[in-house]
């Protein structure tokens, strides 16, 4: 089931930030930007080994749809390699 932006805003009026993927999928909604960033990083990390989704961009946007943060696990991969 898919909902329009207006339907989501009506159902969850206090939600300020959304975690989405580049296919338009809504992954999470939060009231706090830091929580939204954590969710985005979590979903990006989970999708790293998923051949169907690992190419998707995971990002945080505000209620108006403006991108505020793009999850990127490249830095995390580099840090893991340094410690091995």
N, C-alpha and C. Protein backbone atom coordinates (compact mmCIF):
# COMPACT_ATOMS: atom_id res chain seq x y z
N UNK A 1 0.85 -1.17 0.00
CA UNK A 1 0.00 0.00 0.00
C UNK A 1 0.89 1.24 0.00
N UNK A 2 0.51 2.20 -0.76
CA UNK A 2 1.29 3.43 -0.88
C UNK A 2 0.40 4.62 -0.54
N UNK A 3 0.98 5.59 0.15
CA UNK A 3 0.23 6.78 0.55
C UNK A 3 0.86 8.02 -0.08
N UNK A 4 0.03 9.00 -0.36
CA UNK A 4 0.54 10.26 -0.88
C UNK A 4 1.15 11.07 0.28
N UNK A 5 1.93 12.07 -0.07
CA UNK A 5 2.54 12.93 0.93
C UNK A 5 1.47 13.56 1.82
N UNK A 6 0.38 14.00 1.23
CA UNK A 6 -0.69 14.64 2.00
C UNK A 6 -1.34 13.66 2.98
N UNK A 7 -1.53 12.42 2.56
CA UNK A 7 -2.12 11.41 3.45
C UNK A 7 -1.19 11.13 4.64
N UNK A 8 0.10 11.02 4.37
CA UNK A 8 1.05 10.77 5.44
C UNK A 8 1.08 11.92 6.43
N UNK A 9 1.07 13.16 5.93
CA UNK A 9 1.07 14.32 6.82
C UNK A 9 -0.19 14.38 7.68
N UNK A 10 -1.31 13.95 7.13
CA UNK A 10 -2.56 13.92 7.90
C UNK A 10 -2.52 12.83 8.96
N UNK A 11 -2.00 11.65 8.60
CA UNK A 11 -1.97 10.53 9.54
C UNK A 11 -0.96 10.76 10.66
N UNK A 12 0.15 11.42 10.36
CA UNK A 12 1.23 11.63 11.32
C UNK A 12 1.60 13.12 11.36
N UNK A 13 0.75 13.95 11.94
CA UNK A 13 0.97 15.40 11.89
C UNK A 13 2.22 15.89 12.61
N UNK A 14 2.75 15.12 13.56
CA UNK A 14 3.94 15.56 14.30
C UNK A 14 5.25 15.14 13.66
N UNK A 15 5.18 14.32 12.64
CA UNK A 15 6.39 13.86 11.97
C UNK A 15 7.01 15.03 11.20
N UNK A 16 8.28 15.25 11.46
CA UNK A 16 8.99 16.37 10.83
C UNK A 16 9.99 15.93 9.77
N UNK A 17 10.53 14.70 9.92
CA UNK A 17 11.58 14.22 9.03
C UNK A 17 11.24 12.81 8.54
N UNK A 18 11.57 12.54 7.30
CA UNK A 18 11.26 11.25 6.68
C UNK A 18 12.53 10.64 6.13
N UNK A 19 12.65 9.32 6.29
CA UNK A 19 13.74 8.56 5.70
C UNK A 19 13.16 7.85 4.50
N UNK A 20 13.75 8.11 3.33
CA UNK A 20 13.23 7.54 2.09
C UNK A 20 14.37 6.94 1.29
N UNK A 21 14.00 6.14 0.29
CA UNK A 21 15.02 5.66 -0.64
C UNK A 21 14.74 6.27 -2.01
N UNK A 22 15.70 6.11 -2.90
CA UNK A 22 15.59 6.77 -4.21
C UNK A 22 14.52 6.15 -5.11
N UNK A 23 13.94 5.04 -4.69
CA UNK A 23 12.79 4.48 -5.42
C UNK A 23 11.48 5.11 -4.94
N UNK A 24 11.55 6.02 -3.98
CA UNK A 24 10.36 6.66 -3.45
C UNK A 24 9.76 5.96 -2.25
N UNK A 25 10.44 4.91 -1.77
CA UNK A 25 9.94 4.17 -0.62
C UNK A 25 10.14 4.93 0.68
N UNK A 26 9.11 4.99 1.49
CA UNK A 26 9.18 5.63 2.80
C UNK A 26 9.63 4.57 3.80
N UNK A 27 10.76 4.81 4.47
CA UNK A 27 11.33 3.83 5.38
C UNK A 27 11.05 4.15 6.84
N UNK A 28 10.97 5.43 7.19
CA UNK A 28 10.72 5.83 8.57
C UNK A 28 10.32 7.29 8.61
N UNK A 29 9.73 7.67 9.71
CA UNK A 29 9.38 9.06 9.97
C UNK A 29 9.65 9.37 11.42
N UNK A 30 10.24 10.53 11.69
CA UNK A 30 10.58 10.90 13.06
C UNK A 30 10.28 12.37 13.32
N UNK A 31 10.35 12.74 14.59
CA UNK A 31 10.18 14.13 14.97
C UNK A 31 11.55 14.80 15.17
N UNK A 32 12.62 14.02 15.17
CA UNK A 32 13.95 14.51 15.48
C UNK A 32 14.90 14.20 14.32
N UNK A 33 15.67 15.18 13.88
CA UNK A 33 16.58 15.01 12.76
C UNK A 33 17.67 13.98 13.06
N UNK A 34 18.21 14.01 14.26
CA UNK A 34 19.28 13.06 14.61
C UNK A 34 18.77 11.62 14.55
N UNK A 35 17.53 11.39 15.01
CA UNK A 35 16.94 10.05 14.91
C UNK A 35 16.77 9.64 13.46
N UNK A 36 16.35 10.56 12.63
CA UNK A 36 16.17 10.26 11.21
C UNK A 36 17.50 9.89 10.56
N UNK A 37 18.57 10.59 10.92
CA UNK A 37 19.89 10.27 10.38
C UNK A 37 20.33 8.87 10.81
N UNK A 38 20.05 8.52 12.06
CA UNK A 38 20.41 7.18 12.55
C UNK A 38 19.65 6.10 11.78
N UNK A 39 18.37 6.33 11.53
CA UNK A 39 17.58 5.37 10.74
C UNK A 39 18.15 5.25 9.33
N UNK A 40 18.49 6.36 8.72
CA UNK A 40 19.02 6.34 7.35
C UNK A 40 20.32 5.54 7.30
N UNK A 41 21.20 5.78 8.26
CA UNK A 41 22.46 5.04 8.30
C UNK A 41 22.21 3.55 8.52
N UNK A 42 21.25 3.24 9.37
CA UNK A 42 20.91 1.84 9.64
C UNK A 42 20.40 1.15 8.37
N UNK A 43 19.50 1.79 7.65
CA UNK A 43 18.96 1.19 6.43
C UNK A 43 20.04 1.07 5.36
N UNK A 44 20.93 2.05 5.25
CA UNK A 44 22.01 1.98 4.27
C UNK A 44 22.93 0.80 4.58
N UNK A 45 23.24 0.62 5.86
CA UNK A 45 24.09 -0.49 6.28
C UNK A 45 23.41 -1.84 5.98
N UNK A 46 22.11 -1.93 6.24
CA UNK A 46 21.37 -3.17 5.97
C UNK A 46 21.34 -3.49 4.49
N UNK A 47 21.22 -2.47 3.66
CA UNK A 47 21.09 -2.67 2.21
C UNK A 47 22.43 -2.94 1.53
N UNK A 48 23.53 -2.76 2.24
CA UNK A 48 24.86 -2.92 1.64
C UNK A 48 25.02 -4.28 0.95
N UNK A 49 24.50 -5.35 1.56
CA UNK A 49 24.66 -6.69 1.01
C UNK A 49 23.44 -7.19 0.24
N UNK A 50 22.48 -6.32 0.05
CA UNK A 50 21.25 -6.68 -0.68
C UNK A 50 21.41 -6.28 -2.14
N UNK A 51 21.53 -7.26 -3.01
CA UNK A 51 21.79 -6.97 -4.43
C UNK A 51 20.68 -6.17 -5.09
N UNK A 52 19.46 -6.28 -4.59
CA UNK A 52 18.35 -5.53 -5.19
C UNK A 52 18.30 -4.08 -4.72
N UNK A 53 18.82 -3.82 -3.53
CA UNK A 53 18.69 -2.47 -2.96
C UNK A 53 19.99 -1.75 -2.70
N UNK A 54 21.14 -2.39 -2.88
CA UNK A 54 22.39 -1.73 -2.47
C UNK A 54 22.76 -0.53 -3.34
N UNK A 55 22.11 -0.35 -4.46
CA UNK A 55 22.39 0.81 -5.32
C UNK A 55 21.50 2.01 -4.99
N UNK A 56 20.52 1.82 -4.12
CA UNK A 56 19.58 2.90 -3.80
C UNK A 56 20.20 3.92 -2.87
N UNK A 57 19.85 5.17 -3.09
CA UNK A 57 20.24 6.25 -2.20
C UNK A 57 19.25 6.26 -1.04
N UNK A 58 19.76 6.38 0.17
CA UNK A 58 18.91 6.50 1.36
C UNK A 58 19.14 7.92 1.89
N UNK A 59 18.05 8.65 2.09
CA UNK A 59 18.20 10.04 2.50
C UNK A 59 17.11 10.46 3.48
N UNK A 60 17.36 11.57 4.15
CA UNK A 60 16.42 12.19 5.07
C UNK A 60 15.92 13.46 4.42
N UNK A 61 14.61 13.65 4.47
CA UNK A 61 14.05 14.89 3.95
C UNK A 61 13.10 15.48 4.99
N UNK A 62 12.82 16.76 4.85
CA UNK A 62 11.89 17.42 5.75
C UNK A 62 10.47 17.27 5.20
N UNK A 63 9.52 17.87 5.87
CA UNK A 63 8.11 17.75 5.47
C UNK A 63 7.85 18.28 4.07
N UNK A 64 8.68 19.18 3.60
CA UNK A 64 8.51 19.75 2.27
C UNK A 64 9.21 18.95 1.18
N UNK A 65 9.91 17.89 1.57
CA UNK A 65 10.58 17.04 0.59
C UNK A 65 12.01 17.44 0.28
N UNK A 66 12.54 18.43 1.00
CA UNK A 66 13.91 18.88 0.77
C UNK A 66 14.87 17.90 1.43
N UNK A 67 15.87 17.41 0.67
CA UNK A 67 16.87 16.50 1.21
C UNK A 67 17.76 17.24 2.19
N UNK A 68 17.91 16.66 3.38
CA UNK A 68 18.76 17.26 4.40
C UNK A 68 20.00 16.43 4.69
N UNK A 69 19.95 15.14 4.37
CA UNK A 69 21.04 14.23 4.71
C UNK A 69 20.98 13.03 3.77
N UNK A 70 22.14 12.59 3.31
CA UNK A 70 22.22 11.40 2.47
C UNK A 70 23.13 10.40 3.18
N UNK A 71 22.61 9.22 3.45
CA UNK A 71 23.39 8.18 4.14
C UNK A 71 24.46 7.66 3.19
N UNK A 72 25.65 7.48 3.74
CA UNK A 72 26.77 7.01 2.93
C UNK A 72 27.62 6.09 3.79
N UNK A 73 27.73 4.83 3.40
CA UNK A 73 28.48 3.88 4.21
C UNK A 73 29.92 3.72 3.74
N UNK A 74 30.38 4.54 2.83
CA UNK A 74 31.76 4.45 2.36
C UNK A 74 32.72 4.74 3.51
N UNK A 75 32.44 5.80 4.28
CA UNK A 75 33.30 6.16 5.40
C UNK A 75 33.37 5.00 6.40
N UNK A 76 32.24 4.37 6.66
CA UNK A 76 32.20 3.26 7.59
C UNK A 76 33.06 2.10 7.07
N UNK A 77 32.99 1.83 5.77
CA UNK A 77 33.80 0.76 5.18
C UNK A 77 35.29 1.06 5.34
N UNK A 78 35.69 2.30 5.12
CA UNK A 78 37.09 2.66 5.25
C UNK A 78 37.57 2.49 6.69
N UNK A 79 36.74 2.88 7.65
CA UNK A 79 37.11 2.72 9.06
C UNK A 79 37.25 1.25 9.42
N UNK A 80 36.37 0.39 8.91
CA UNK A 80 36.46 -1.03 9.19
C UNK A 80 37.74 -1.62 8.63
N UNK A 81 38.14 -1.19 7.43
CA UNK A 81 39.35 -1.71 6.80
C UNK A 81 40.60 -1.29 7.58
N UNK A 82 40.61 -0.08 8.15
CA UNK A 82 41.76 0.39 8.89
C UNK A 82 42.02 -0.46 10.13
N UNK A 83 40.97 -0.97 10.77
CA UNK A 83 41.11 -1.72 12.00
C UNK A 83 41.37 -3.20 11.78
N UNK A 84 41.26 -3.67 10.56
CA UNK A 84 41.45 -5.10 10.30
C UNK A 84 42.91 -5.46 10.19
